[in-house]
N, C-alpha and C. Protein backbone atom coordinates (compact mmCIF):
# COMPACT_ATOMS: atom_id res chain seq x y z
N MET A 1 -22.22 4.83 -24.69
CA MET A 1 -22.50 5.33 -23.14
C MET A 1 -21.69 6.49 -23.17
N ASN A 2 -22.44 6.79 -22.10
CA ASN A 2 -22.39 8.34 -21.72
C ASN A 2 -20.60 8.60 -20.82
N ASP A 3 -19.93 9.33 -21.42
CA ASP A 3 -18.21 9.15 -20.65
C ASP A 3 -18.12 9.61 -18.96
N GLU A 4 -19.59 10.81 -18.65
CA GLU A 4 -19.35 10.97 -17.04
C GLU A 4 -20.34 9.91 -16.53
N THR A 5 -21.21 9.00 -17.17
CA THR A 5 -21.68 7.67 -16.09
C THR A 5 -20.47 6.55 -15.89
N THR A 6 -19.43 6.83 -16.86
CA THR A 6 -18.67 4.98 -16.76
C THR A 6 -17.64 5.28 -15.60
N ALA A 7 -17.17 4.12 -15.10
CA ALA A 7 -16.17 4.16 -14.58
C ALA A 7 -14.92 3.21 -14.97
N SER A 8 -13.85 2.90 -14.80
CA SER A 8 -12.82 1.93 -15.05
C SER A 8 -13.15 0.48 -13.51
N PHE A 9 -13.23 -0.28 -13.99
CA PHE A 9 -13.00 -1.37 -13.31
C PHE A 9 -12.25 -1.18 -11.90
N LEU A 10 -11.10 -0.46 -11.56
CA LEU A 10 -10.39 -0.16 -10.62
C LEU A 10 -11.11 0.87 -9.58
N ASP A 11 -11.74 1.58 -10.74
CA ASP A 11 -12.73 2.86 -9.80
C ASP A 11 -13.81 2.30 -9.03
N LYS A 12 -14.07 1.31 -9.85
CA LYS A 12 -15.37 0.63 -8.83
C LYS A 12 -15.18 -0.20 -7.73
N THR A 13 -13.98 -0.52 -7.40
CA THR A 13 -13.35 -1.26 -6.12
C THR A 13 -12.26 -0.33 -5.32
N ASP A 14 -12.45 -0.64 -4.07
CA ASP A 14 -11.16 0.17 -3.52
C ASP A 14 -9.94 -0.93 -3.68
N TRP A 15 -9.74 -1.18 -4.63
CA TRP A 15 -8.37 -1.86 -4.79
C TRP A 15 -7.45 -0.66 -4.75
N ARG A 16 -8.09 0.49 -5.87
CA ARG A 16 -6.74 1.35 -5.85
C ARG A 16 -6.66 2.04 -4.66
N ILE A 17 -7.71 2.56 -3.73
CA ILE A 17 -7.35 3.21 -2.84
C ILE A 17 -6.76 2.44 -1.60
N THR A 18 -6.71 1.07 -1.60
CA THR A 18 -5.67 0.00 -1.19
C THR A 18 -4.29 0.33 -1.23
N LEU A 19 -4.40 0.17 -2.44
CA LEU A 19 -2.81 0.18 -3.14
C LEU A 19 -2.21 1.65 -2.82
N HIS A 20 -2.85 2.87 -2.72
CA HIS A 20 -2.30 4.08 -2.29
C HIS A 20 -2.17 3.93 -1.00
N ARG A 21 -2.89 3.40 0.11
CA ARG A 21 -2.72 3.05 1.19
C ARG A 21 -1.59 2.70 1.84
N LYS A 22 -1.13 1.42 0.86
CA LYS A 22 -0.18 0.44 0.86
C LYS A 22 1.08 1.07 0.57
N LEU A 23 1.27 1.87 -0.43
CA LEU A 23 2.33 2.80 -1.02
C LEU A 23 2.45 3.87 -0.08
N GLU A 24 1.83 4.65 0.44
CA GLU A 24 1.77 5.83 1.51
C GLU A 24 2.20 4.73 2.80
N ALA A 25 2.06 4.02 3.14
CA ALA A 25 2.48 3.50 4.27
C ALA A 25 3.71 2.99 4.14
N CYS A 26 4.17 2.46 2.98
CA CYS A 26 5.83 2.40 2.86
C CYS A 26 6.56 3.27 3.04
N VAL A 27 6.26 4.58 2.18
CA VAL A 27 6.99 5.28 2.24
C VAL A 27 7.15 6.28 3.57
N ASP A 28 6.24 5.79 4.42
CA ASP A 28 6.05 6.39 5.59
C ASP A 28 6.91 5.73 6.53
N ALA A 29 7.10 4.24 6.39
CA ALA A 29 7.78 3.80 7.33
C ALA A 29 9.59 3.83 6.88
N GLU A 30 9.73 4.37 5.52
CA GLU A 30 11.18 4.09 4.82
C GLU A 30 12.19 4.45 6.35
N GLY A 31 12.96 3.97 6.04
CA GLY A 31 14.43 3.97 7.09
C GLY A 31 13.97 3.46 8.79
N THR A 32 12.84 2.72 8.60
CA THR A 32 12.39 1.91 9.78
C THR A 32 12.39 0.52 10.15
N PHE A 33 12.10 0.37 11.64
CA PHE A 33 12.11 -1.29 11.56
C PHE A 33 11.17 -2.09 10.90
N PHE A 34 10.32 -1.21 10.62
CA PHE A 34 8.76 -1.66 9.81
C PHE A 34 8.71 -1.90 8.29
N TYR A 35 9.54 -0.83 7.61
CA TYR A 35 10.20 -1.06 5.92
C TYR A 35 9.77 -2.34 5.66
N PRO A 36 10.40 -3.61 5.60
CA PRO A 36 10.07 -4.98 5.28
C PRO A 36 8.80 -5.14 5.61
N HIS A 37 8.21 -5.06 6.48
CA HIS A 37 6.96 -5.51 7.15
C HIS A 37 5.59 -4.79 6.35
N ARG A 38 5.92 -3.52 6.08
CA ARG A 38 4.99 -2.55 5.45
C ARG A 38 5.67 -2.94 3.74
N VAL A 39 6.68 -3.02 2.98
CA VAL A 39 6.37 -3.50 1.72
C VAL A 39 6.04 -5.39 1.43
N LYS A 40 6.00 -6.09 2.35
CA LYS A 40 5.11 -7.28 2.77
C LYS A 40 4.04 -7.55 2.03
N SER A 41 3.69 -5.81 3.31
CA SER A 41 2.12 -5.69 2.73
C SER A 41 1.69 -5.50 1.38
N LEU A 42 2.41 -4.43 0.70
CA LEU A 42 2.45 -4.10 -0.27
C LEU A 42 2.39 -5.14 -1.48
N ILE A 43 3.11 -6.15 -1.05
CA ILE A 43 3.46 -6.77 -2.17
C ILE A 43 1.98 -7.86 -2.18
N SER A 44 1.42 -8.02 -1.18
CA SER A 44 -0.27 -8.58 -0.65
C SER A 44 -1.18 -8.08 -1.62
N ALA A 45 -1.18 -7.25 -1.32
CA ALA A 45 -2.24 -6.03 -2.07
C ALA A 45 -1.95 -5.83 -3.11
N ALA A 46 -0.78 -5.85 -3.89
CA ALA A 46 -1.14 -5.43 -5.26
C ALA A 46 -0.63 -6.49 -6.47
N SER A 47 -0.37 -8.17 -5.74
CA SER A 47 0.01 -9.10 -6.37
C SER A 47 -2.01 -9.56 -6.71
N ALA A 48 -1.92 -9.60 -7.97
CA ALA A 48 -3.65 -9.86 -8.33
C ALA A 48 -3.46 -10.24 -9.93
N GLN A 49 -4.14 -10.85 -10.49
CA GLN A 49 -4.59 -10.84 -11.44
C GLN A 49 -5.65 -9.99 -12.18
N TYR A 50 -5.05 -9.29 -12.29
CA TYR A 50 -5.86 -7.99 -13.51
C TYR A 50 -6.64 -8.57 -14.87
N PRO A 51 -8.06 -8.04 -15.49
CA PRO A 51 -7.89 -8.53 -16.72
C PRO A 51 -7.00 -8.27 -17.62
N GLY A 52 -6.85 -8.70 -18.27
CA GLY A 52 -5.53 -8.94 -19.35
C GLY A 52 -4.21 -8.60 -18.74
N TRP A 53 -3.89 -8.94 -17.35
CA TRP A 53 -2.50 -8.38 -16.78
C TRP A 53 -2.40 -9.03 -15.67
N ASN A 54 -1.26 -9.80 -15.90
CA ASN A 54 -0.94 -10.72 -14.60
C ASN A 54 -0.07 -10.23 -13.53
N ALA A 55 -0.34 -9.22 -12.59
CA ALA A 55 0.84 -8.29 -11.83
C ALA A 55 1.29 -9.42 -10.76
N GLU A 56 0.29 -10.60 -10.58
CA GLU A 56 1.17 -11.52 -9.49
C GLU A 56 2.48 -12.25 -9.89
N LYS A 57 2.39 -12.54 -11.70
CA LYS A 57 3.52 -13.25 -11.68
C LYS A 57 4.67 -12.18 -11.82
N GLU A 58 4.15 -10.95 -12.62
CA GLU A 58 5.54 -9.96 -12.88
C GLU A 58 5.96 -9.99 -11.59
N ILE A 59 5.44 -9.33 -10.44
CA ILE A 59 6.04 -8.86 -9.54
C ILE A 59 6.52 -10.21 -8.54
N ASN A 60 5.89 -11.72 -8.65
CA ASN A 60 6.83 -12.74 -8.18
C ASN A 60 8.51 -12.41 -8.94
N ASP A 61 8.28 -12.55 -10.43
CA ASP A 61 9.02 -12.43 -10.97
C ASP A 61 10.37 -11.74 -10.93
N GLU A 62 9.99 -10.30 -10.40
CA GLU A 62 11.20 -9.54 -10.22
C GLU A 62 11.30 -9.91 -8.85
N ILE A 63 10.79 -10.36 -8.07
CA ILE A 63 11.19 -10.78 -6.85
C ILE A 63 12.11 -11.29 -6.77
N VAL A 64 12.35 -12.86 -7.62
CA VAL A 64 12.96 -13.50 -7.34
C VAL A 64 14.05 -12.96 -7.92
N ALA A 65 14.64 -12.57 -8.78
CA ALA A 65 15.70 -11.93 -9.76
C ALA A 65 16.30 -10.99 -8.95
N LEU A 66 15.45 -10.34 -7.91
CA LEU A 66 16.06 -9.05 -7.16
C LEU A 66 16.83 -10.21 -5.80
N LYS A 67 15.85 -11.19 -4.99
CA LYS A 67 16.19 -11.93 -4.63
C LYS A 67 17.92 -12.77 -4.77
N ARG A 68 18.04 -13.33 -6.00
CA ARG A 68 19.02 -14.05 -6.51
C ARG A 68 19.72 -13.02 -6.57
N ASN A 69 19.97 -11.64 -6.90
CA ASN A 69 20.89 -10.70 -7.79
C ASN A 69 21.59 -10.25 -6.02
N TYR A 70 20.58 -9.67 -4.73
CA TYR A 70 21.37 -9.75 -3.35
C TYR A 70 21.99 -10.75 -2.70
N GLN A 71 20.77 -12.15 -2.64
CA GLN A 71 21.72 -12.98 -2.58
C GLN A 71 23.41 -13.14 -2.77
N ASP A 72 23.70 -13.07 -4.36
CA ASP A 72 24.99 -12.95 -4.81
C ASP A 72 25.57 -12.39 -3.88
N VAL A 73 25.55 -11.06 -4.01
CA VAL A 73 26.10 -9.97 -3.93
C VAL A 73 26.86 -9.72 -1.92
N TRP A 74 25.76 -10.73 -1.46
CA TRP A 74 25.87 -10.74 0.33
C TRP A 74 26.62 -12.33 0.53
N ASP A 75 27.16 -13.00 -0.51
CA ASP A 75 27.86 -14.13 -0.91
C ASP A 75 29.14 -13.67 -0.68
N LYS A 76 29.31 -12.80 -1.99
CA LYS A 76 30.21 -12.68 -1.83
C LYS A 76 31.20 -11.20 -0.98
N TRP A 77 29.92 -10.69 -0.54
CA TRP A 77 30.73 -9.76 0.65
C TRP A 77 31.44 -10.36 2.05
N PHE A 78 30.28 -11.53 2.23
CA PHE A 78 30.44 -12.28 3.48
C PHE A 78 31.75 -13.23 2.95
N ASN A 79 32.02 -13.58 2.32
CA ASN A 79 33.01 -14.91 2.16
C ASN A 79 34.49 -14.04 1.74
N SER A 80 34.35 -12.49 1.89
CA SER A 80 35.47 -11.86 1.83
C SER A 80 35.92 -11.11 2.84
N ASN A 81 35.12 -11.18 3.51
CA ASN A 81 35.02 -10.91 5.03
C ASN A 81 34.34 -11.55 6.07
N LEU A 82 35.34 -12.17 6.49
CA LEU A 82 34.57 -13.65 7.49
C LEU A 82 35.15 -13.45 8.48
N THR A 83 36.10 -12.38 8.75
CA THR A 83 37.18 -12.57 9.95
C THR A 83 36.38 -11.04 10.79
N LEU A 84 35.57 -9.98 9.99
CA LEU A 84 34.93 -9.43 10.34
C LEU A 84 34.01 -9.24 12.14
N PRO A 85 33.89 -8.65 12.63
CA PRO A 85 32.95 -9.22 13.92
C PRO A 85 31.57 -9.29 13.72
N LYS A 86 30.62 -9.79 14.41
CA LYS A 86 29.46 -10.23 13.88
C LYS A 86 28.59 -9.20 13.85
N TYR A 87 28.73 -7.91 14.79
CA TYR A 87 27.90 -6.88 14.61
C TYR A 87 28.10 -6.17 12.97
N ILE A 88 29.47 -6.11 12.90
CA ILE A 88 29.35 -5.40 11.74
C ILE A 88 28.56 -6.17 10.11
N LYS A 89 28.63 -7.71 10.47
CA LYS A 89 28.51 -8.56 9.22
C LYS A 89 26.72 -8.38 9.39
N ASP A 90 26.21 -8.09 10.76
CA ASP A 90 24.76 -7.99 10.83
C ASP A 90 24.11 -6.48 10.42
N GLU A 91 25.31 -5.19 10.14
CA GLU A 91 24.50 -4.15 9.82
C GLU A 91 24.87 -4.54 8.32
N VAL A 92 25.95 -4.70 7.71
CA VAL A 92 25.62 -5.32 6.65
C VAL A 92 24.94 -5.50 5.76
N GLU A 93 24.59 -7.04 6.99
CA GLU A 93 23.07 -7.51 5.72
C GLU A 93 21.53 -6.83 6.13
N HIS A 94 21.86 -6.22 7.17
CA HIS A 94 20.21 -4.89 7.31
C HIS A 94 20.15 -3.94 6.25
N PHE A 95 21.79 -3.79 5.88
CA PHE A 95 21.65 -2.94 4.93
C PHE A 95 21.34 -3.50 3.80
N TYR A 96 21.95 -4.39 3.40
CA TYR A 96 21.66 -5.16 1.92
C TYR A 96 19.62 -5.73 2.08
N THR A 97 19.65 -6.19 2.83
CA THR A 97 17.78 -6.15 3.57
C THR A 97 17.30 -5.28 3.46
N TYR A 98 17.42 -3.56 3.66
CA TYR A 98 16.89 -2.98 3.63
C TYR A 98 16.52 -2.41 1.79
N ASN A 99 17.95 -2.34 1.19
CA ASN A 99 17.88 -1.99 0.11
C ASN A 99 17.20 -3.09 -1.16
N TYR A 100 17.20 -4.56 -0.22
CA TYR A 100 16.31 -5.25 -1.05
C TYR A 100 14.61 -4.92 -1.49
N TYR A 101 14.59 -4.54 0.02
CA TYR A 101 12.80 -4.17 -0.07
C TYR A 101 12.83 -2.90 -0.46
N HIS A 102 13.28 -2.00 -0.42
CA HIS A 102 13.62 -0.78 -1.45
C HIS A 102 13.33 -1.05 -2.56
N ASP A 103 14.23 -2.05 -3.59
CA ASP A 103 13.95 -2.24 -4.95
C ASP A 103 12.79 -2.76 -5.26
N ILE A 104 11.88 -3.45 -3.96
CA ILE A 104 10.64 -4.16 -4.67
C ILE A 104 9.53 -2.93 -4.25
N PHE A 105 10.08 -2.13 -3.14
CA PHE A 105 8.68 -1.29 -3.12
C PHE A 105 9.12 -0.70 -4.41
N THR A 106 10.21 0.08 -5.00
CA THR A 106 10.21 1.12 -6.28
C THR A 106 9.34 0.52 -7.46
N PHE A 107 9.86 -1.17 -7.39
CA PHE A 107 9.33 -1.67 -9.12
C PHE A 107 8.07 -1.74 -8.56
N ILE A 108 7.16 -2.11 -7.57
CA ILE A 108 5.91 -1.64 -7.18
C ILE A 108 5.08 -0.57 -7.58
N LYS A 109 5.82 0.58 -7.01
CA LYS A 109 5.52 1.90 -7.36
C LYS A 109 5.49 2.32 -8.66
N ASN A 110 6.77 1.97 -9.42
CA ASN A 110 6.48 1.98 -11.35
C ASN A 110 5.70 1.42 -12.00
N MET A 111 5.07 0.25 -11.02
CA MET A 111 4.65 -0.87 -12.13
C MET A 111 3.02 0.21 -11.70
N CYS A 112 2.81 0.38 -10.96
CA CYS A 112 1.60 1.36 -10.84
C CYS A 112 1.39 2.24 -11.54
N ALA A 113 2.53 3.05 -11.43
CA ALA A 113 2.46 3.83 -12.77
C ALA A 113 2.56 3.93 -14.04
N ARG A 114 2.96 3.40 -14.15
CA ARG A 114 2.79 2.53 -15.42
C ARG A 114 1.66 2.29 -16.11
N LYS A 115 0.78 1.41 -15.42
CA LYS A 115 -0.10 0.84 -15.34
C LYS A 115 -1.76 2.08 -14.73
N ARG A 116 -1.16 3.12 -14.90
CA ARG A 116 -1.71 4.18 -14.39
C ARG A 116 -2.76 4.34 -12.98
N MET A 117 -2.62 3.29 -12.11
CA MET A 117 -3.43 2.77 -11.41
C MET A 117 -2.92 3.96 -10.07
N LEU A 118 -1.89 4.89 -10.28
CA LEU A 118 -1.65 6.26 -8.96
C LEU A 118 -2.30 7.18 -9.13
N LEU A 119 -3.42 7.11 -10.54
CA LEU A 119 -4.34 8.47 -10.60
C LEU A 119 -5.72 8.40 -10.03
N TRP A 120 -6.03 9.47 -9.26
CA TRP A 120 -7.04 9.31 -8.88
C TRP A 120 -8.40 9.87 -9.47
N GLY A 121 -7.96 9.83 -10.56
CA GLY A 121 -9.44 11.01 -11.41
C GLY A 121 -10.17 9.58 -11.41
N SER A 122 -11.13 9.39 -10.66
CA SER A 122 -12.11 8.45 -10.42
C SER A 122 -13.11 9.41 -10.55
N LYS A 123 -14.70 8.63 -11.45
CA LYS A 123 -15.41 9.31 -12.11
C LYS A 123 -16.51 9.03 -10.76
N GLU A 124 -17.38 9.62 -10.98
CA GLU A 124 -18.71 9.66 -10.16
C GLU A 124 -20.15 8.89 -10.54
N SER A 125 -20.26 8.14 -10.56
CA SER A 125 -21.15 6.88 -11.13
C SER A 125 -22.58 7.14 -10.75
N ILE A 126 -23.63 7.42 -11.44
CA ILE A 126 -25.05 7.75 -10.87
C ILE A 126 -25.64 6.29 -10.11
N LYS A 127 -26.18 7.09 -8.79
CA LYS A 127 -26.33 6.09 -8.12
C LYS A 127 -27.85 6.32 -8.09
N GLY A 128 -28.29 4.50 -7.74
CA GLY A 128 -30.03 4.71 -7.69
C GLY A 128 -30.68 5.02 -6.36
N THR A 129 -31.87 5.06 -5.83
CA THR A 129 -32.48 5.17 -4.83
C THR A 129 -33.23 3.69 -4.65
N GLN A 130 -32.69 3.46 -2.61
CA GLN A 130 -33.34 2.32 -2.21
C GLN A 130 -34.49 2.35 -2.96
N MET A 131 -35.18 0.87 -3.16
CA MET A 131 -36.69 0.65 -2.98
C MET A 131 -37.20 0.12 -1.72
N GLU A 132 -38.44 0.35 -1.55
CA GLU A 132 -39.26 0.29 -0.68
C GLU A 132 -39.94 -1.05 -0.56
N ASP A 133 -39.64 -1.49 0.72
CA ASP A 133 -40.46 -2.75 0.90
C ASP A 133 -41.79 -2.59 0.70
N GLU A 134 -42.25 -3.93 0.01
CA GLU A 134 -43.85 -3.70 0.08
C GLU A 134 -44.48 -4.77 0.99
């Protein structure tokens, strides 16, 4: 095959562009109320079963491990600070939630980089001409 006319599976689809947009949306939303929602959208976009690689399982396994870890940290903190006012507990819970979603974002970003899904190097494939109706 001629190297100039071939493109990878990801180059032929909009998924690479979609992943880039979702990753950029997460970066733009860092530190805002919308950050967890943007990360959830990224999870939905990146979770797929690609040929030879089950990204959905890899992402879900990491989410379960992170959730367990953050729940343990939150439980320890909460149980040792029962007498603090509710607003302080809410702030700490928000802090842990934000860090949880940031860790998920970082994992997916690094996963995409590892699989070379962040490279824009798409190649132009030959396009045909439209056939005339007879």
